[in-house]
PDB file of N, CA and C in Angstrom:
ATOM      1  N   MET A   1       1.404  11.472 -34.362  1.00  0.00           N
ATOM      2  CA  MET A   1       2.134  12.060 -32.975  1.00  0.00           C
ATOM      3  C   MET A   1       3.195  11.077 -32.693  1.00  0.00           C
ATOM      4  N   SER A   2       4.396  11.490 -32.554  1.00  0.00           N
ATOM      5  CA  SER A   2       5.401  10.555 -31.887  1.00  0.00           C
ATOM      6  C   SER A   2       5.192  10.414 -30.376  1.00  0.00           C
ATOM      7  N   SER A   3       5.707   9.285 -29.860  1.00  0.00           N
ATOM      8  CA  SER A   3       5.621   9.000 -28.554  1.00  0.00           C
ATOM      9  C   SER A   3       6.188  10.025 -27.774  1.00  0.00           C
ATOM     10  N   SER A   4       7.439  10.533 -28.174  1.00  0.00           N
ATOM     11  CA  SER A   4       8.003  11.715 -27.191  1.00  0.00           C
ATOM     12  C   SER A   4       6.997  12.898 -27.129  1.00  0.00           C
ATOM     13  N   ALA A   5       6.273  13.132 -28.186  1.00  0.00           N
ATOM     14  CA  ALA A   5       5.264  14.288 -28.132  1.00  0.00           C
ATOM     15  C   ALA A   5       4.260  13.981 -27.384  1.00  0.00           C
ATOM     16  N   ALA A   6       3.737  12.668 -27.285  1.00  0.00           N
ATOM     17  CA  ALA A   6       2.548  12.325 -26.339  1.00  0.00           C
ATOM     18  C   ALA A   6       3.111  12.479 -24.875  1.00  0.00           C
ATOM     19  N   ARG A   7       4.402  12.087 -24.534  1.00  0.00           N
ATOM     20  CA  ARG A   7       4.895  12.144 -23.285  1.00  0.00           C
ATOM     21  C   ARG A   7       4.865  13.810 -22.726  1.00  0.00           C
ATOM     22  N   ARG A   8       5.322  14.536 -23.493  1.00  0.00           N
ATOM     23  CA  ARG A   8       5.347  15.940 -23.325  1.00  0.00           C
ATOM     24  C   ARG A   8       3.971  16.483 -22.941  1.00  0.00           C
ATOM     25  N   GLU A   9       2.913  15.974 -23.463  1.00  0.00           N
ATOM     26  CA  GLU A   9       1.414  16.408 -23.212  1.00  0.00           C
ATOM     27  C   GLU A   9       0.941  15.924 -21.914  1.00  0.00           C
ATOM     28  N   ALA A  10       1.620  14.908 -21.431  1.00  0.00           N
ATOM     29  CA  ALA A  10       1.099  14.149 -20.326  1.00  0.00           C
ATOM     30  C   ALA A  10       1.557  14.924 -18.976  1.00  0.00           C
ATOM     31  N   LEU A  11       1.010  16.100 -18.811  1.00  0.00           N
ATOM     32  CA  LEU A  11       1.647  16.793 -17.645  1.00  0.00           C
ATOM     33  C   LEU A  11       0.522  16.813 -16.616  1.00  0.00           C
ATOM     34  N   ALA A  12       0.858  16.759 -15.317  1.00  0.00           N
ATOM     35  CA  ALA A  12      -0.011  16.907 -14.178  1.00  0.00           C
ATOM     36  C   ALA A  12      -0.561  18.328 -14.064  1.00  0.00           C
ATOM     37  N   MET A  13      -1.840  18.348 -13.711  1.00  0.00           N
ATOM     38  CA  MET A  13      -2.381  19.760 -13.457  1.00  0.00           C
ATOM     39  C   MET A  13      -2.915  19.723 -12.028  1.00  0.00           C
ATOM     40  N   ASP A  14      -3.550  18.573 -11.489  1.00  0.00           N
ATOM     41  CA  ASP A  14      -4.022  18.625 -10.154  1.00  0.00           C
ATOM     42  C   ASP A  14      -3.735  17.230  -9.626  1.00  0.00           C
ATOM     43  N   VAL A  15      -3.825  17.170  -8.124  1.00  0.00           N
ATOM     44  CA  VAL A  15      -3.625  15.869  -7.587  1.00  0.00           C
ATOM     45  C   VAL A  15      -4.753  15.885  -6.375  1.00  0.00           C
ATOM     46  N   GLN A  16      -5.260  14.514  -6.240  1.00  0.00           N
ATOM     47  CA  GLN A  16      -5.990  14.348  -5.084  1.00  0.00           C
ATOM     48  C   GLN A  16      -5.497  12.889  -4.443  1.00  0.00           C
ATOM     49  N   VAL A  17      -5.362  12.897  -3.216  1.00  0.00           N
ATOM     50  CA  VAL A  17      -4.842  11.754  -2.494  1.00  0.00           C
ATOM     51  C   VAL A  17      -5.910  11.467  -1.335  1.00  0.00           C
ATOM     52  N   SER A  18      -6.523  10.148  -1.526  1.00  0.00           N
ATOM     53  CA  SER A  18      -7.508   9.691  -0.429  1.00  0.00           C
ATOM     54  C   SER A  18      -6.761   8.706   0.373  1.00  0.00           C
ATOM     55  N   GLU A  19      -7.499   8.006   1.139  1.00  0.00           N
ATOM     56  CA  GLU A  19      -6.952   6.860   2.066  1.00  0.00           C
ATOM     57  C   GLU A  19      -6.397   5.785   1.232  1.00  0.00           C
ATOM     58  N   ASP A  20      -6.959   5.568   0.115  1.00  0.00           N
ATOM     59  CA  ASP A  20      -6.711   4.405  -0.660  1.00  0.00           C
ATOM     60  C   ASP A  20      -5.864   4.597  -2.140  1.00  0.00           C
ATOM     61  N   GLU A  21      -5.944   5.917  -2.688  1.00  0.00           N
ATOM     62  CA  GLU A  21      -5.312   6.039  -3.831  1.00  0.00           C
ATOM     63  C   GLU A  21      -4.934   7.292  -4.178  1.00  0.00           C
ATOM     64  N   ILE A  22      -4.156   7.471  -5.138  1.00  0.00           N
ATOM     65  CA  ILE A  22      -3.703   8.898  -5.564  1.00  0.00           C
ATOM     66  C   ILE A  22      -4.351   9.034  -7.046  1.00  0.00           C
ATOM     67  N   ILE A  23      -4.922  10.211  -7.359  1.00  0.00           N
ATOM     68  CA  ILE A  23      -5.508  10.437  -8.507  1.00  0.00           C
ATOM     69  C   ILE A  23      -4.842  11.755  -9.069  1.00  0.00           C
ATOM     70  N   VAL A  24      -4.248  11.559 -10.387  1.00  0.00           N
ATOM     71  CA  VAL A  24      -3.590  12.745 -10.968  1.00  0.00           C
ATOM     72  C   VAL A  24      -4.354  13.213 -12.157  1.00  0.00           C
ATOM     73  N   SER A  25      -4.912  14.498 -12.324  1.00  0.00           N
ATOM     74  CA  SER A  25      -5.585  14.941 -13.480  1.00  0.00           C
ATOM     75  C   SER A  25      -4.458  15.528 -14.460  1.00  0.00           C
ATOM     76  N   LEU A  26      -4.523  15.120 -15.728  1.00  0.00           N
ATOM     77  CA  LEU A  26      -3.556  15.542 -16.637  1.00  0.00           C
ATOM     78  C   LEU A  26      -4.134  16.680 -17.450  1.00  0.00           C
ATOM     79  N   ALA A  27      -3.015  17.289 -17.979  1.00  0.00           N
ATOM     80  CA  ALA A  27      -3.414  18.623 -18.874  1.00  0.00           C
ATOM     81  C   ALA A  27      -4.356  18.179 -20.148  1.00  0.00           C
ATOM     82  N   ASP A  28      -4.232  16.987 -20.449  1.00  0.00           N
ATOM     83  CA  ASP A  28      -4.797  16.513 -21.751  1.00  0.00           C
ATOM     84  C   ASP A  28      -6.339  15.979 -21.416  1.00  0.00           C
ATOM     85  N   GLY A  29      -6.676  16.194 -20.266  1.00  0.00           N
ATOM     86  CA  GLY A  29      -8.048  15.621 -19.851  1.00  0.00           C
ATOM     87  C   GLY A  29      -8.017  14.331 -19.176  1.00  0.00           C
ATOM     88  N   ARG A  30      -7.111  13.595 -19.208  1.00  0.00           N
ATOM     89  CA  ARG A  30      -7.024  12.073 -18.578  1.00  0.00           C
ATOM     90  C   ARG A  30      -6.903  12.312 -17.100  1.00  0.00           C
ATOM     91  N   ARG A  31      -7.296  11.214 -16.345  1.00  0.00           N
ATOM     92  CA  ARG A  31      -7.077  11.121 -14.815  1.00  0.00           C
ATOM     93  C   ARG A  31      -6.310   9.771 -14.776  1.00  0.00           C
ATOM     94  N   VAL A  32      -5.318   9.759 -14.116  1.00  0.00           N
ATOM     95  CA  VAL A  32      -4.609   8.343 -13.730  1.00  0.00           C
ATOM     96  C   VAL A  32      -4.667   8.283 -12.409  1.00  0.00           C
ATOM     97  N   SER A  33      -4.823   6.941 -11.829  1.00  0.00           N
ATOM     98  CA  SER A  33      -4.850   6.790 -10.403  1.00  0.00           C
ATOM     99  C   SER A  33      -3.925   5.411 -10.125  1.00  0.00           C
ATOM    100  N   ALA A  34      -3.694   5.343  -8.912  1.00  0.00           N
ATOM    101  CA  ALA A  34      -2.721   4.149  -8.498  1.00  0.00           C
ATOM    102  C   ALA A  34      -2.991   4.006  -6.930  1.00  0.00           C
ATOM    103  N   PRO A  35      -2.871   2.772  -6.565  1.00  0.00           N
ATOM    104  CA  PRO A  35      -3.199   2.517  -5.123  1.00  0.00           C
ATOM    105  C   PRO A  35      -2.186   3.210  -4.350  1.00  0.00           C
ATOM    106  N   LEU A  36      -2.652   3.826  -3.235  1.00  0.00           N
ATOM    107  CA  LEU A  36      -1.756   4.565  -2.291  1.00  0.00           C
ATOM    108  C   LEU A  36      -0.727   3.554  -1.744  1.00  0.00           C
ATOM    109  N   VAL A  37      -1.038   2.281  -1.542  1.00  0.00           N
ATOM    110  CA  VAL A  37      -0.077   1.336  -0.897  1.00  0.00           C
ATOM    111  C   VAL A  37       1.329   1.271  -1.804  1.00  0.00           C
ATOM    112  N   TRP A  38       1.341   1.641  -3.073  1.00  0.00           N
ATOM    113  CA  TRP A  38       2.355   1.615  -4.001  1.00  0.00           C
ATOM    114  C   TRP A  38       3.443   2.726  -3.487  1.00  0.00           C
ATOM    115  N   PHE A  39       3.014   3.631  -2.690  1.00  0.00           N
ATOM    116  CA  PHE A  39       3.897   4.783  -2.172  1.00  0.00           C
ATOM    117  C   PHE A  39       3.866   4.820  -0.724  1.00  0.00           C
ATOM    118  N   PRO A  40       4.728   3.977   0.104  1.00  0.00           N
ATOM    119  CA  PRO A  40       4.659   3.788   1.358  1.00  0.00           C
ATOM    120  C   PRO A  40       4.828   5.215   2.174  1.00  0.00           C
ATOM    121  N   ARG A  41       5.776   6.026   1.717  1.00  0.00           N
ATOM    122  CA  ARG A  41       5.987   7.162   2.397  1.00  0.00           C
ATOM    123  C   ARG A  41       4.763   8.021   2.417  1.00  0.00           C
ATOM    124  N   LEU A  42       4.252   8.180   1.171  1.00  0.00           N
ATOM    125  CA  LEU A  42       2.990   8.939   1.113  1.00  0.00           C
ATOM    126  C   LEU A  42       1.767   8.408   1.900  1.00  0.00           C
ATOM    127  N   ARG A  43       1.796   7.043   1.915  1.00  0.00           N
ATOM    128  CA  ARG A  43       0.692   6.404   2.637  1.00  0.00           C
ATOM    129  C   ARG A  43       0.757   6.557   4.062  1.00  0.00           C
ATOM    130  N   GLY A  44       2.031   6.597   4.713  1.00  0.00           N
ATOM    131  CA  GLY A  44       2.325   6.819   6.019  1.00  0.00           C
ATOM    132  C   GLY A  44       2.236   8.224   6.445  1.00  0.00           C
ATOM    133  N   ALA A  45       2.082   9.298   5.491  1.00  0.00           N
ATOM    134  CA  ALA A  45       2.013  10.612   5.918  1.00  0.00           C
ATOM    135  C   ALA A  45       0.537  10.909   6.295  1.00  0.00           C
ATOM    136  N   SER A  46       0.527  11.945   7.039  1.00  0.00           N
ATOM    137  CA  SER A  46      -0.746  12.518   7.636  1.00  0.00           C
ATOM    138  C   SER A  46      -1.551  13.171   6.288  1.00  0.00           C
ATOM    139  N   ALA A  47      -2.930  13.385   6.663  1.00  0.00           N
ATOM    140  CA  ALA A  47      -3.637  13.883   5.580  1.00  0.00           C
ATOM    141  C   ALA A  47      -3.120  15.380   5.193  1.00  0.00           C
ATOM    142  N   THR A  48      -2.806  16.128   6.194  1.00  0.00           N
ATOM    143  CA  THR A  48      -2.218  17.443   5.870  1.00  0.00           C
ATOM    144  C   THR A  48      -0.939  17.358   5.115  1.00  0.00           C
ATOM    145  N   ALA A  49      -0.118  16.362   5.287  1.00  0.00           N
ATOM    146  CA  ALA A  49       1.117  16.234   4.466  1.00  0.00           C
ATOM    147  C   ALA A  49       0.783  15.733   3.153  1.00  0.00           C
ATOM    148  N   ARG A  50      -0.048  15.087   3.015  1.00  0.00           N
ATOM    149  CA  ARG A  50      -0.669  14.322   1.580  1.00  0.00           C
ATOM    150  C   ARG A  50      -1.179  15.609   0.796  1.00  0.00           C
ATOM    151  N   SER A  51      -1.792  16.593   1.550  1.00  0.00           N
ATOM    152  CA  SER A  51      -2.495  17.699   0.775  1.00  0.00           C
ATOM    153  C   SER A  51      -1.485  18.720   0.504  1.00  0.00           C
ATOM    154  N   ASN A  52      -0.252  18.635   0.906  1.00  0.00           N
ATOM    155  CA  ASN A  52       0.776  19.653   0.836  1.00  0.00           C
ATOM    156  C   ASN A  52       1.809  19.186  -0.457  1.00  0.00           C
ATOM    157  N   TRP A  53       1.274  19.363  -1.718  1.00  0.00           N
ATOM    158  CA  TRP A  53       2.060  18.913  -2.874  1.00  0.00           C
ATOM    159  C   TRP A  53       2.345  19.975  -3.720  1.00  0.00           C
ATOM    160  N   ARG A  54       3.298  19.844  -4.605  1.00  0.00           N
ATOM    161  CA  ARG A  54       3.549  20.846  -5.690  1.00  0.00           C
ATOM    162  C   ARG A  54       3.912  20.117  -7.003  1.00  0.00           C
ATOM    163  N   LEU A  55       3.707  20.787  -8.087  1.00  0.00           N
ATOM    164  CA  LEU A  55       4.117  20.141  -9.320  1.00  0.00           C
ATOM    165  C   LEU A  55       5.509  20.560  -9.581  1.00  0.00           C
ATOM    166  N   ILE A  56       6.303  19.596 -10.153  1.00  0.00           N
ATOM    167  CA  ILE A  56       7.690  19.723 -10.560  1.00  0.00           C
ATOM    168  C   ILE A  56       7.863  19.386 -11.979  1.00  0.00           C
ATOM    169  N   GLY A  57       8.858  20.165 -12.530  1.00  0.00           N
ATOM    170  CA  GLY A  57       9.043  19.989 -14.027  1.00  0.00           C
ATOM    171  C   GLY A  57       7.972  20.339 -14.977  1.00  0.00           C
ATOM    172  N   ASP A  58       7.333  21.623 -14.579  1.00  0.00           N
ATOM    173  CA  ASP A  58       6.227  22.014 -15.388  1.00  0.00           C
ATOM    174  C   ASP A  58       5.040  20.910 -15.554  1.00  0.00           C
ATOM    175  N   GLY A  59       4.938  20.037 -14.450  1.00  0.00           N
ATOM    176  CA  GLY A  59       3.824  19.047 -14.361  1.00  0.00           C
ATOM    177  C   GLY A  59       4.289  17.585 -14.696  1.00  0.00           C
ATOM    178  N   GLU A  60       5.652  17.375 -14.871  1.00  0.00           N
ATOM    179  CA  GLU A  60       6.091  16.195 -15.177  1.00  0.00           C
ATOM    180  C   GLU A  60       5.992  15.232 -14.011  1.00  0.00           C
ATOM    181  N   GLY A  61       5.838  15.765 -12.866  1.00  0.00           N
ATOM    182  CA  GLY A  61       5.782  15.001 -11.624  1.00  0.00           C
ATOM    183  C   GLY A  61       5.259  15.761 -10.536  1.00  0.00           C
ATOM    184  N   VAL A  62       5.046  15.197  -9.265  1.00  0.00           N
ATOM    185  CA  VAL A  62       4.515  15.736  -8.196  1.00  0.00           C
ATOM    186  C   VAL A  62       5.533  15.481  -7.031  1.00  0.00           C
ATOM    187  N   HIS A  63       5.802  16.425  -6.249  1.00  0.00           N
ATOM    188  CA  HIS A  63       6.560  16.445  -4.995  1.00  0.00           C
ATOM    189  C   HIS A  63       5.693  16.687  -3.687  1.00  0.00           C
ATOM    190  N   TRP A  64       5.853  15.778  -2.758  1.00  0.00           N
ATOM    191  CA  TRP A  64       5.320  16.092  -1.319  1.00  0.00           C
ATOM    192  C   TRP A  64       6.434  16.291  -0.511  1.00  0.00           C
ATOM    193  N   PRO A  65       6.632  17.532  -0.012  1.00  0.00           N
ATOM    194  CA  PRO A  65       7.927  17.914   0.875  1.00  0.00           C
ATOM    195  C   PRO A  65       7.693  17.220   2.215  1.00  0.00           C
ATOM    196  N   ASP A  66       6.471  17.175   2.820  1.00  0.00           N
ATOM    197  CA  ASP A  66       6.369  16.742   4.120  1.00  0.00           C
ATOM    198  C   ASP A  66       6.652  15.275   4.234  1.00  0.00           C
ATOM    199  N   ALA A  67       6.411  14.350   3.098  1.00  0.00           N
ATOM    200  CA  ALA A  67       6.481  12.995   2.965  1.00  0.00           C
ATOM    201  C   ALA A  67       7.827  12.541   2.250  1.00  0.00           C
ATOM    202  N   ASP A  68       8.507  13.595   1.779  1.00  0.00           N
ATOM    203  CA  ASP A  68       9.800  13.353   1.089  1.00  0.00           C
ATOM    204  C   ASP A  68       9.502  12.266  -0.104  1.00  0.00           C
ATOM    205  N   GLU A  69       8.416  12.474  -0.803  1.00  0.00           N
ATOM    206  CA  GLU A  69       7.969  11.681  -1.898  1.00  0.00           C
ATOM    207  C   GLU A  69       7.849  12.401  -3.379  1.00  0.00           C
ATOM    208  N   ASP A  70       8.314  11.785  -4.267  1.00  0.00           N
ATOM    209  CA  ASP A  70       8.195  12.427  -5.733  1.00  0.00           C
ATOM    210  C   ASP A  70       7.674  11.253  -6.560  1.00  0.00           C
ATOM    211  N   ILE A  71       6.672  11.673  -7.421  1.00  0.00           N
ATOM    212  CA  ILE A  71       5.988  10.674  -8.248  1.00  0.00           C
ATOM    213  C   ILE A  71       5.918  11.232  -9.632  1.00  0.00           C
ATOM    214  N   SER A  72       6.507  10.504 -10.636  1.00  0.00           N
ATOM    215  CA  SER A  72       6.392  11.154 -11.991  1.00  0.00           C
ATOM    216  C   SER A  72       5.129  10.626 -12.832  1.00  0.00           C
ATOM    217  N   VAL A  73       4.707  11.508 -13.615  1.00  0.00           N
ATOM    218  CA  VAL A  73       3.559  11.038 -14.469  1.00  0.00           C
ATOM    219  C   VAL A  73       3.838   9.876 -15.285  1.00  0.00           C
ATOM    220  N   GLU A  74       5.070   9.825 -15.791  1.00  0.00           N
ATOM    221  CA  GLU A  74       5.474   8.679 -16.708  1.00  0.00           C
ATOM    222  C   GLU A  74       5.426   7.501 -15.789  1.00  0.00           C
ATOM    223  N   ALA A  75       5.742   7.512 -14.512  1.00  0.00           N
ATOM    224  CA  ALA A  75       5.607   6.197 -13.796  1.00  0.00           C
ATOM    225  C   ALA A  75       4.282   5.861 -13.391  1.00  0.00           C
ATOM    226  N   LEU A  76       3.372   6.811 -13.130  1.00  0.00           N
ATOM    227  CA  LEU A  76       1.916   6.475 -12.980  1.00  0.00           C
ATOM    228  C   LEU A  76       1.463   5.923 -14.321  1.00  0.00           C
ATOM    229  N   LEU A  77       1.660   6.581 -15.432  1.00  0.00           N
ATOM    230  CA  LEU A  77       1.109   6.084 -16.637  1.00  0.00           C
ATOM    231  C   LEU A  77       1.574   4.681 -17.009  1.00  0.00           C
ATOM    232  N   SER A  78       2.853   4.146 -16.571  1.00  0.00           N
ATOM    233  CA  SER A  78       3.370   3.112 -16.816  1.00  0.00           C
ATOM    234  C   SER A  78       3.211   1.879 -15.777  1.00  0.00           C
ATOM    235  N   GLY A  79       2.539   2.404 -14.825  1.00  0.00           N
ATOM    236  CA  GLY A  79       2.049   1.470 -13.596  1.00  0.00           C
ATOM    237  C   GLY A  79       3.219   0.992 -12.806  1.00  0.00           C
ATOM    238  N   VAL A  80       4.206   1.985 -12.529  1.00  0.00           N
ATOM    239  CA  VAL A  80       5.316   1.606 -11.909  1.00  0.00           C
ATOM    240  C   VAL A  80       5.149   2.166 -10.412  1.00  0.00           C
ATOM    241  N   PRO A  81       5.055   1.154  -9.432  1.00  0.00           N
ATOM    242  CA  PRO A  81       5.165   1.650  -7.918  1.00  0.00           C
ATOM    243  C   PRO A  81       6.576   2.306  -7.627  1.00  0.00           C
ATOM    244  N   SER A  82       6.646   2.715  -6.401  1.00  0.00           N
ATOM    245  CA  SER A  82       7.960   3.322  -5.854  1.00  0.00           C
ATOM    246  C   SER A  82       8.822   2.218  -5.540  1.00  0.00           C
ATOM    247  N   VAL A  83      10.244   2.778  -5.534  1.00  0.00           N
ATOM    248  CA  VAL A  83      11.178   1.717  -5.082  1.00  0.00           C
ATOM    249  C   VAL A  83      11.001   1.039  -3.764  1.00  0.00           C
ATOM    250  N   ASP A  84      10.487   1.943  -2.707  1.00  0.00           N
ATOM    251  CA  ASP A  84      10.127   1.580  -1.490  1.00  0.00           C
ATOM    252  C   ASP A  84       9.197   0.329  -1.500  1.00  0.00           C
ATOM    253  N   PHE A  85       8.105   0.482  -2.222  1.00  0.00           N
ATOM    254  CA  PHE A  85       7.090  -0.434  -2.369  1.00  0.00           C
ATOM    255  C   PHE A  85       7.707  -1.802  -2.883  1.00  0.00           C
ATOM    256  N   THR A  86       8.576  -1.723  -3.994  1.00  0.00           N
ATOM    257  CA  THR A  86       9.273  -2.794  -4.580  1.00  0.00           C
ATOM    258  C   THR A  86      10.060  -3.515  -3.750  1.00  0.00           C
ATOM    259  N   ARG A  87      10.787  -2.751  -2.858  1.00  0.00           N
ATOM    260  CA  ARG A  87      11.853  -3.460  -1.899  1.00  0.00           C
ATOM    261  C   ARG A  87      10.893  -4.200  -0.869  1.00  0.00           C
ATOM    262  N   ARG A  88       9.798  -3.696  -0.407  1.00  0.00           N
ATOM    263  CA  ARG A  88       8.999  -4.409   0.606  1.00  0.00           C
ATOM    264  C   ARG A  88       8.477  -5.595   0.187  1.00  0.00           C
ATOM    265  N   THR A  89       8.086  -5.620  -1.073  1.00  0.00           N
ATOM    266  CA  THR A  89       7.300  -6.971  -1.764  1.00  0.00           C
ATOM    267  C   THR A  89       8.279  -7.763  -2.430  1.00  0.00           C
ATOM    268  N   SER A  90       9.518  -7.450  -2.663  1.00  0.00           N
ATOM    269  CA  SER A  90      10.422  -8.411  -3.192  1.00  0.00           C
ATOM    270  C   SER A  90      11.276  -9.067  -2.192  1.00  0.00           C
ATOM    271  N   GLY A  91      11.167  -8.716  -0.955  1.00  0.00           N
ATOM    272  CA  GLY A  91      12.086  -9.185   0.008  1.00  0.00           C
ATOM    273  C   GLY A  91      11.483 -10.275   0.961  1.00  0.00           C
TER     274      GLY A  91
END
């Protein structure tokens, strides 16, 4: 299987956000998690805002309208934090 085919199969199906992490369940059965601190806008949002998400791009990413946050499955799989987190830790 080519790497582009593998990426197409890595689609989000469900999302859970706790006080400490985000967990995304993928269509192929995997679950990927990342520390919530990597996503400052989502971390600063209320529990209600965190639970208000929708899949974008047929599952290629997740959007939280109340927190103005978008996270791609590819970024999660690659271990890439948000630009907001990177700016805070590099300055």
